[in-house]
């Protein structure tokens, strides 16, 4: 069941000219304390505020704590169906824009983020999805092992794009294409972004990459945070998709992540010490994934955080 939350300020009037309108959709679950920083970045956008709206969708947070003040072009909805993709679908159903622009509550868009999308959209054919850069940034002057791992691993959106998918931390989809595809698979807790992109490709819609359409993603700093993410991703791999695809992911889970370790070792953008630390964390996370796979095979509930 989905229902609107307490109404916030209504979106300001949208222009009547031919300029594209963007609907920024952000699912929020237990991260309302991070939303003010996101809204501050969105208020700094060089694209005029009249050309975009912001839709925050609370996904049944146990403690709903919205900001004291919302920008005039922002509003809050509530989605009681668990899962960020269900929340994104609800936000999309209420959106007024020509484009749906997805990001997350813990992301920090650059001031020209939407202007970069506007340029990319003007050059695109109108039927293509557009993914932007996601830069994982350290939060500490002397990061610990978990934070080092998250920075080294990163979110390599351009590489993802070459493989046919992109993360919803920075993904724009034309509204007609989103409706044609039926939106995200709302039953997924992870991997719904890759699923949508692959269905779009199968329907003939390209996925483009716009390097100057950037958001920063603060690195996770604790073992609990990165282990929880690993468990959520494993749930998306083993509880969704075709039987053959789930079997493939289960088989991959049983194999040590040597390819990932080799990729870390070769990534000379980071100090050697950081690369070695990231490899050790990667191997430890493999143990977490093995245990999680056994738990899921036993019929337990997937992680959603």
Protein backbone atom coordinates (compact mmCIF):
# COMPACT_ATOMS: atom_id res chain seq x y z
CA UNK A 1 0.00 0.00 0.00
CA UNK A 2 1.21 3.49 -0.78
CA UNK A 3 -0.10 6.76 0.53
CA UNK A 4 1.02 10.38 0.59
CA UNK A 5 2.81 11.54 3.70
CA UNK A 6 2.06 14.78 5.48
CA UNK A 7 1.96 17.29 2.64
CA UNK A 8 4.98 19.51 2.19
CA UNK A 9 5.20 22.65 0.08
CA UNK A 10 3.83 22.16 -3.40
CA UNK A 11 6.10 22.32 -6.43
CA UNK A 12 6.47 25.75 -7.94
CA UNK A 13 5.00 26.49 -11.35
CA UNK A 14 6.79 24.82 -14.23
CA UNK A 15 7.72 26.85 -17.32
CA UNK A 16 5.50 26.66 -20.37
CA UNK A 17 8.34 26.78 -22.92
CA UNK A 18 9.94 23.80 -24.65
CA UNK A 19 12.64 23.32 -21.99
CA UNK A 20 12.83 19.86 -20.49
CA UNK A 21 11.54 19.48 -16.95
CA UNK A 22 13.33 17.12 -14.57
CA UNK A 23 11.80 15.23 -11.66
CA UNK A 24 14.44 14.27 -9.08
CA UNK A 25 13.20 11.19 -7.21
CA UNK A 26 14.90 10.19 -3.96
CA UNK A 27 13.88 7.18 -1.82
CA UNK A 28 14.68 7.62 1.87
CA UNK A 29 14.83 4.87 4.47
CA UNK A 30 16.25 5.67 7.90
CA UNK A 31 18.50 8.39 6.45
CA UNK A 32 16.47 11.54 6.97
CA UNK A 33 19.38 13.10 8.85
CA UNK A 34 21.29 13.15 5.52
CA UNK A 35 18.53 14.77 3.47
CA UNK A 36 19.24 18.42 4.45
CA UNK A 37 22.72 18.20 2.87
CA UNK A 38 21.19 16.77 -0.32
CA UNK A 39 18.56 19.53 -0.43
CA UNK A 40 21.24 22.16 0.08
CA UNK A 41 23.10 20.84 -2.96
CA UNK A 42 19.89 20.80 -4.99
CA UNK A 43 19.15 24.41 -4.04
CA UNK A 44 22.58 25.34 -5.40
CA UNK A 45 21.88 23.93 -8.85
CA UNK A 46 22.77 26.24 -11.72
CA UNK A 47 19.69 24.99 -13.57
CA UNK A 48 16.75 27.27 -12.68
CA UNK A 49 14.61 25.83 -9.89
CA UNK A 50 11.51 26.25 -12.07
CA UNK A 51 12.89 23.53 -14.37
CA UNK A 52 13.00 20.73 -11.80
CA UNK A 53 11.08 19.30 -8.89
CA UNK A 54 12.29 17.18 -5.99
CA UNK A 55 10.25 14.21 -4.78
CA UNK A 56 11.41 12.62 -1.53
CA UNK A 57 9.77 9.27 -0.83
CA UNK A 58 9.89 7.95 2.72
CA UNK A 59 10.01 4.15 2.54
CA UNK A 60 8.43 3.36 5.89
CA UNK A 61 11.24 4.68 8.08
CA UNK A 62 10.67 3.67 11.73
CA UNK A 63 11.53 7.25 12.68
CA UNK A 64 10.20 9.71 10.12
CA UNK A 65 12.06 12.97 10.63
CA UNK A 66 11.62 15.25 7.60
CA UNK A 67 13.56 18.53 7.31
CA UNK A 68 12.08 21.55 9.05
CA UNK A 69 12.14 23.42 5.76
CA UNK A 70 11.65 22.19 2.22
CA UNK A 71 12.50 24.12 -0.95
CA UNK A 72 9.47 25.43 -2.81
CA UNK A 73 9.94 22.83 -5.57
CA UNK A 74 10.17 19.86 -3.17
CA UNK A 75 7.58 17.55 -1.63
CA UNK A 76 7.43 14.38 0.42
CA UNK A 77 5.49 11.20 -0.30
CA UNK A 78 5.29 8.01 1.72
CA UNK A 79 5.57 4.47 0.36
CA UNK A 80 4.71 1.68 2.79
CA UNK A 81 5.79 -1.08 0.40
CA UNK A 82 9.30 -2.12 1.51
CA UNK A 83 12.13 -1.51 -0.94
CA UNK A 84 13.73 1.51 -2.58
CA UNK A 85 12.50 0.49 -6.04
CA UNK A 86 8.89 0.46 -4.85
CA UNK A 87 9.53 3.93 -3.43
CA UNK A 88 11.04 5.13 -6.71
CA UNK A 89 8.03 3.80 -8.61
CA UNK A 90 5.69 5.75 -6.34
CA UNK A 91 7.70 8.91 -6.80
CA UNK A 92 7.70 8.42 -10.56
CA UNK A 93 3.93 7.96 -10.57
CA UNK A 94 3.52 11.43 -9.03
CA UNK A 95 6.22 13.16 -11.08
CA UNK A 96 5.47 15.95 -13.55
CA UNK A 97 8.74 16.02 -15.46
CA UNK A 98 9.79 14.92 -18.91
CA UNK A 99 12.71 13.09 -17.28
CA UNK A 100 12.95 11.06 -14.10
CA UNK A 101 16.28 11.68 -12.38
CA UNK A 102 17.20 9.18 -9.68
CA UNK A 103 19.67 9.70 -6.87
CA UNK A 104 19.94 8.66 -3.22
CA UNK A 105 19.56 10.42 0.09
CA UNK A 106 23.25 10.08 0.90
CA UNK A 107 24.42 11.56 -2.42
CA UNK A 108 25.72 15.09 -2.94
CA UNK A 109 25.16 16.38 -6.50
CA UNK A 110 27.56 18.89 -8.01
CA UNK A 111 26.09 22.37 -8.57
CA UNK A 112 25.96 21.79 -12.35
CA UNK A 113 24.56 18.24 -12.04
CA UNK A 114 21.19 18.99 -13.62
CA UNK A 115 22.70 21.47 -16.09
CA UNK A 116 24.99 18.64 -17.22
CA UNK A 117 21.97 16.39 -17.65
CA UNK A 118 20.20 19.14 -19.55
CA UNK A 119 23.08 19.33 -22.03
CA UNK A 120 23.25 15.55 -22.37
CA UNK A 121 19.48 15.29 -22.86
CA UNK A 122 19.56 17.95 -25.58
CA UNK A 123 22.16 15.91 -27.47
CA UNK A 124 20.37 12.57 -26.95
CA UNK A 125 17.62 11.18 -29.13
CA UNK A 126 14.93 11.40 -26.45
CA UNK A 127 14.68 7.63 -26.03
CA UNK A 128 18.01 7.02 -24.31
CA UNK A 129 18.81 6.59 -20.63
CA UNK A 130 21.61 8.80 -19.28
CA UNK A 131 23.97 7.83 -16.47
CA UNK A 132 26.27 10.28 -14.75
CA UNK A 133 29.47 9.94 -12.76
CA UNK A 134 29.37 8.79 -9.14
CA UNK A 135 32.51 9.62 -7.15
CA UNK A 136 32.96 7.89 -3.80
CA UNK A 137 34.81 10.32 -1.52
CA UNK A 138 36.51 9.64 1.79
CA UNK A 139 35.03 11.35 4.85
CA UNK A 140 38.05 10.98 7.12
CA UNK A 141 41.54 12.45 6.99
CA UNK A 142 42.85 9.04 8.11
CA UNK A 143 40.27 6.53 6.80
CA UNK A 144 39.90 3.11 8.35
CA UNK A 145 39.74 -0.21 6.50
CA UNK A 146 36.04 -0.03 5.67
CA UNK A 147 36.29 3.48 4.26
CA UNK A 148 39.41 2.62 2.28
CA UNK A 149 37.60 -0.36 0.76
CA UNK A 150 34.57 1.73 -0.22
CA UNK A 151 36.73 4.36 -1.92
CA UNK A 152 38.87 1.81 -3.79
CA UNK A 153 35.81 -0.17 -4.89
CA UNK A 154 33.92 2.97 -5.85
CA UNK A 155 30.89 3.09 -8.12
CA UNK A 156 32.48 2.91 -11.60
CA UNK A 157 29.46 4.16 -13.49
CA UNK A 158 31.20 4.44 -16.86
CA UNK A 159 32.37 0.81 -16.64
CA UNK A 160 28.89 -0.25 -15.58
CA UNK A 161 27.52 1.53 -18.63
CA UNK A 162 29.78 -0.47 -20.93
CA UNK A 163 28.24 -3.56 -19.38
CA UNK A 164 24.72 -2.28 -20.03
CA UNK A 165 23.55 -0.93 -16.69
CA UNK A 166 23.97 1.97 -14.26
CA UNK A 167 23.41 2.69 -10.58
CA UNK A 168 20.40 4.76 -9.52
CA UNK A 169 22.74 6.98 -7.52
CA UNK A 170 22.87 8.96 -10.78
CA UNK A 171 20.52 7.80 -13.51
CA UNK A 172 18.04 9.69 -15.71
CA UNK A 173 15.24 8.01 -17.65
CA UNK A 174 12.81 9.71 -20.06
CA UNK A 175 9.34 9.54 -18.56
CA UNK A 176 7.77 7.83 -21.63
CA UNK A 177 10.47 5.14 -21.59
CA UNK A 178 10.00 4.53 -17.86
CA UNK A 179 6.26 4.10 -18.34
CA UNK A 180 6.77 1.86 -21.36
CA UNK A 181 9.03 -0.41 -19.30
CA UNK A 182 6.61 -0.52 -16.38
CA UNK A 183 9.11 1.05 -14.00
CA UNK A 184 11.37 -0.82 -11.62
CA UNK A 185 10.74 -4.33 -10.35
CA UNK A 186 9.25 -3.27 -7.01
CA UNK A 187 9.89 -6.69 -5.44
CA UNK A 188 13.65 -6.20 -5.54
CA UNK A 189 15.71 -4.79 -2.70
CA UNK A 190 18.85 -4.62 -4.88
CA UNK A 191 19.71 -4.83 -8.58
CA UNK A 192 16.55 -3.13 -9.81
CA UNK A 193 18.61 -0.48 -11.56
CA UNK A 194 20.54 -3.05 -13.62
CA UNK A 195 17.29 -4.87 -14.39
CA UNK A 196 15.62 -1.69 -15.67
CA UNK A 197 18.61 -0.77 -17.82
CA UNK A 198 18.77 -4.24 -19.38
CA UNK A 199 15.05 -4.23 -20.12
CA UNK A 200 15.49 -0.81 -21.71
CA UNK A 201 18.32 -2.12 -23.89
CA UNK A 202 16.21 -5.08 -24.95
CA UNK A 203 13.49 -2.60 -26.01
CA UNK A 204 15.99 -0.63 -28.11
CA UNK A 205 16.88 2.20 -25.73
CA UNK A 206 20.56 3.12 -25.44
CA UNK A 207 22.35 3.91 -22.18
CA UNK A 208 24.56 7.00 -22.50
CA UNK A 209 27.22 8.25 -20.10
CA UNK A 210 27.61 11.93 -19.19
CA UNK A 211 30.88 12.54 -17.31
CA UNK A 212 30.00 16.11 -16.31
CA UNK A 213 26.74 15.02 -14.69
CA UNK A 214 28.35 14.22 -11.32
CA UNK A 215 27.28 13.30 -7.83
CA UNK A 216 29.55 12.57 -4.88
CA UNK A 217 28.83 9.64 -2.60
CA UNK A 218 30.43 9.78 0.87
CA UNK A 219 32.25 6.53 1.58
CA UNK A 220 30.86 4.16 4.18
CA UNK A 221 33.06 4.27 7.24
CA UNK A 222 32.18 1.16 9.28
CA UNK A 223 32.37 -2.58 8.79
CA UNK A 224 28.65 -2.85 9.59
CA UNK A 225 27.76 -0.49 6.75
CA UNK A 226 29.74 -2.29 4.04
CA UNK A 227 28.70 -5.74 5.30
CA UNK A 228 25.03 -4.71 5.26
CA UNK A 229 25.38 -3.45 1.70
CA UNK A 230 27.06 -6.73 0.65
CA UNK A 231 24.19 -8.71 2.16
CA UNK A 232 21.59 -6.53 0.42
CA UNK A 233 23.29 -6.96 -2.96
CA UNK A 234 23.52 -10.71 -2.44
CA UNK A 235 19.79 -10.80 -1.76
CA UNK A 236 19.12 -8.99 -5.01
CA UNK A 237 21.25 -11.50 -6.88
CA UNK A 238 19.80 -14.65 -5.34
CA UNK A 239 16.15 -13.69 -4.89
CA UNK A 240 15.34 -12.05 -8.23
CA UNK A 241 15.61 -12.79 -11.93
CA UNK A 242 15.38 -16.08 -13.76
CA UNK A 243 16.31 -19.38 -12.15
CA UNK A 244 19.37 -19.67 -14.40
CA UNK A 245 20.55 -16.19 -13.41
CA UNK A 246 20.09 -16.91 -9.70
CA UNK A 247 22.05 -20.15 -10.12
CA UNK A 248 24.81 -18.24 -11.87
CA UNK A 249 25.09 -15.79 -8.96
CA UNK A 250 25.05 -18.61 -6.42
CA UNK A 251 27.88 -20.32 -8.28
CA UNK A 252 29.87 -17.09 -8.43
CA UNK A 253 29.38 -16.59 -4.71
CA UNK A 254 31.13 -19.90 -4.01
CA UNK A 255 34.24 -18.78 -5.92
CA UNK A 256 36.82 -16.53 -4.18
CA UNK A 257 36.72 -12.95 -5.59
CA UNK A 258 40.15 -13.15 -7.20
CA UNK A 259 39.15 -11.03 -10.20
CA UNK A 260 38.03 -8.27 -7.88
CA UNK A 261 41.25 -8.52 -5.91
CA UNK A 262 43.31 -8.29 -9.10
CA UNK A 263 41.31 -5.25 -10.25
CA UNK A 264 42.00 -3.54 -6.92
CA UNK A 265 45.70 -4.33 -7.14
CA UNK A 266 45.98 -2.85 -10.65
CA UNK A 267 44.12 0.37 -9.81
CA UNK A 268 47.07 2.78 -9.46
CA UNK A 269 44.84 5.73 -8.63
CA UNK A 270 45.14 4.62 -5.00
CA UNK A 271 48.22 4.05 -2.79
CA UNK A 272 49.47 0.47 -2.69
CA UNK A 273 48.67 0.22 1.01
CA UNK A 274 45.06 1.19 0.35
CA UNK A 275 44.79 -1.36 -2.44
CA UNK A 276 46.09 -4.12 -0.16
CA UNK A 277 43.73 -3.12 2.65
CA UNK A 278 40.83 -3.15 0.19
CA UNK A 279 41.76 -6.68 -0.91
CA UNK A 280 41.77 -7.92 2.69
CA UNK A 281 38.34 -6.37 3.28
CA UNK A 282 37.09 -7.88 0.02
CA UNK A 283 38.08 -11.36 1.16
CA UNK A 284 36.40 -10.83 4.52
CA UNK A 285 33.24 -9.68 2.76
CA UNK A 286 33.32 -12.88 0.72
CA UNK A 287 32.81 -14.75 4.00
CA UNK A 288 29.81 -12.52 4.72
CA UNK A 289 28.38 -13.27 1.28
CA UNK A 290 28.80 -17.03 1.74
CA UNK A 291 26.92 -16.94 5.03
CA UNK A 292 24.24 -14.71 3.51
CA UNK A 293 23.82 -17.06 0.54
CA UNK A 294 23.25 -19.98 2.91
CA UNK A 295 20.77 -17.89 4.88
CA UNK A 296 18.83 -16.97 1.74
CA UNK A 297 18.83 -20.54 0.41
CA UNK A 298 17.29 -21.50 3.75
CA UNK A 299 14.41 -19.14 3.00
CA UNK A 300 15.30 -16.24 5.28
CA UNK A 301 14.25 -12.64 4.56
CA UNK A 302 16.63 -10.60 2.34
CA UNK A 303 18.35 -7.51 3.72
CA UNK A 304 16.77 -4.23 2.57
CA UNK A 305 18.98 -1.55 4.15
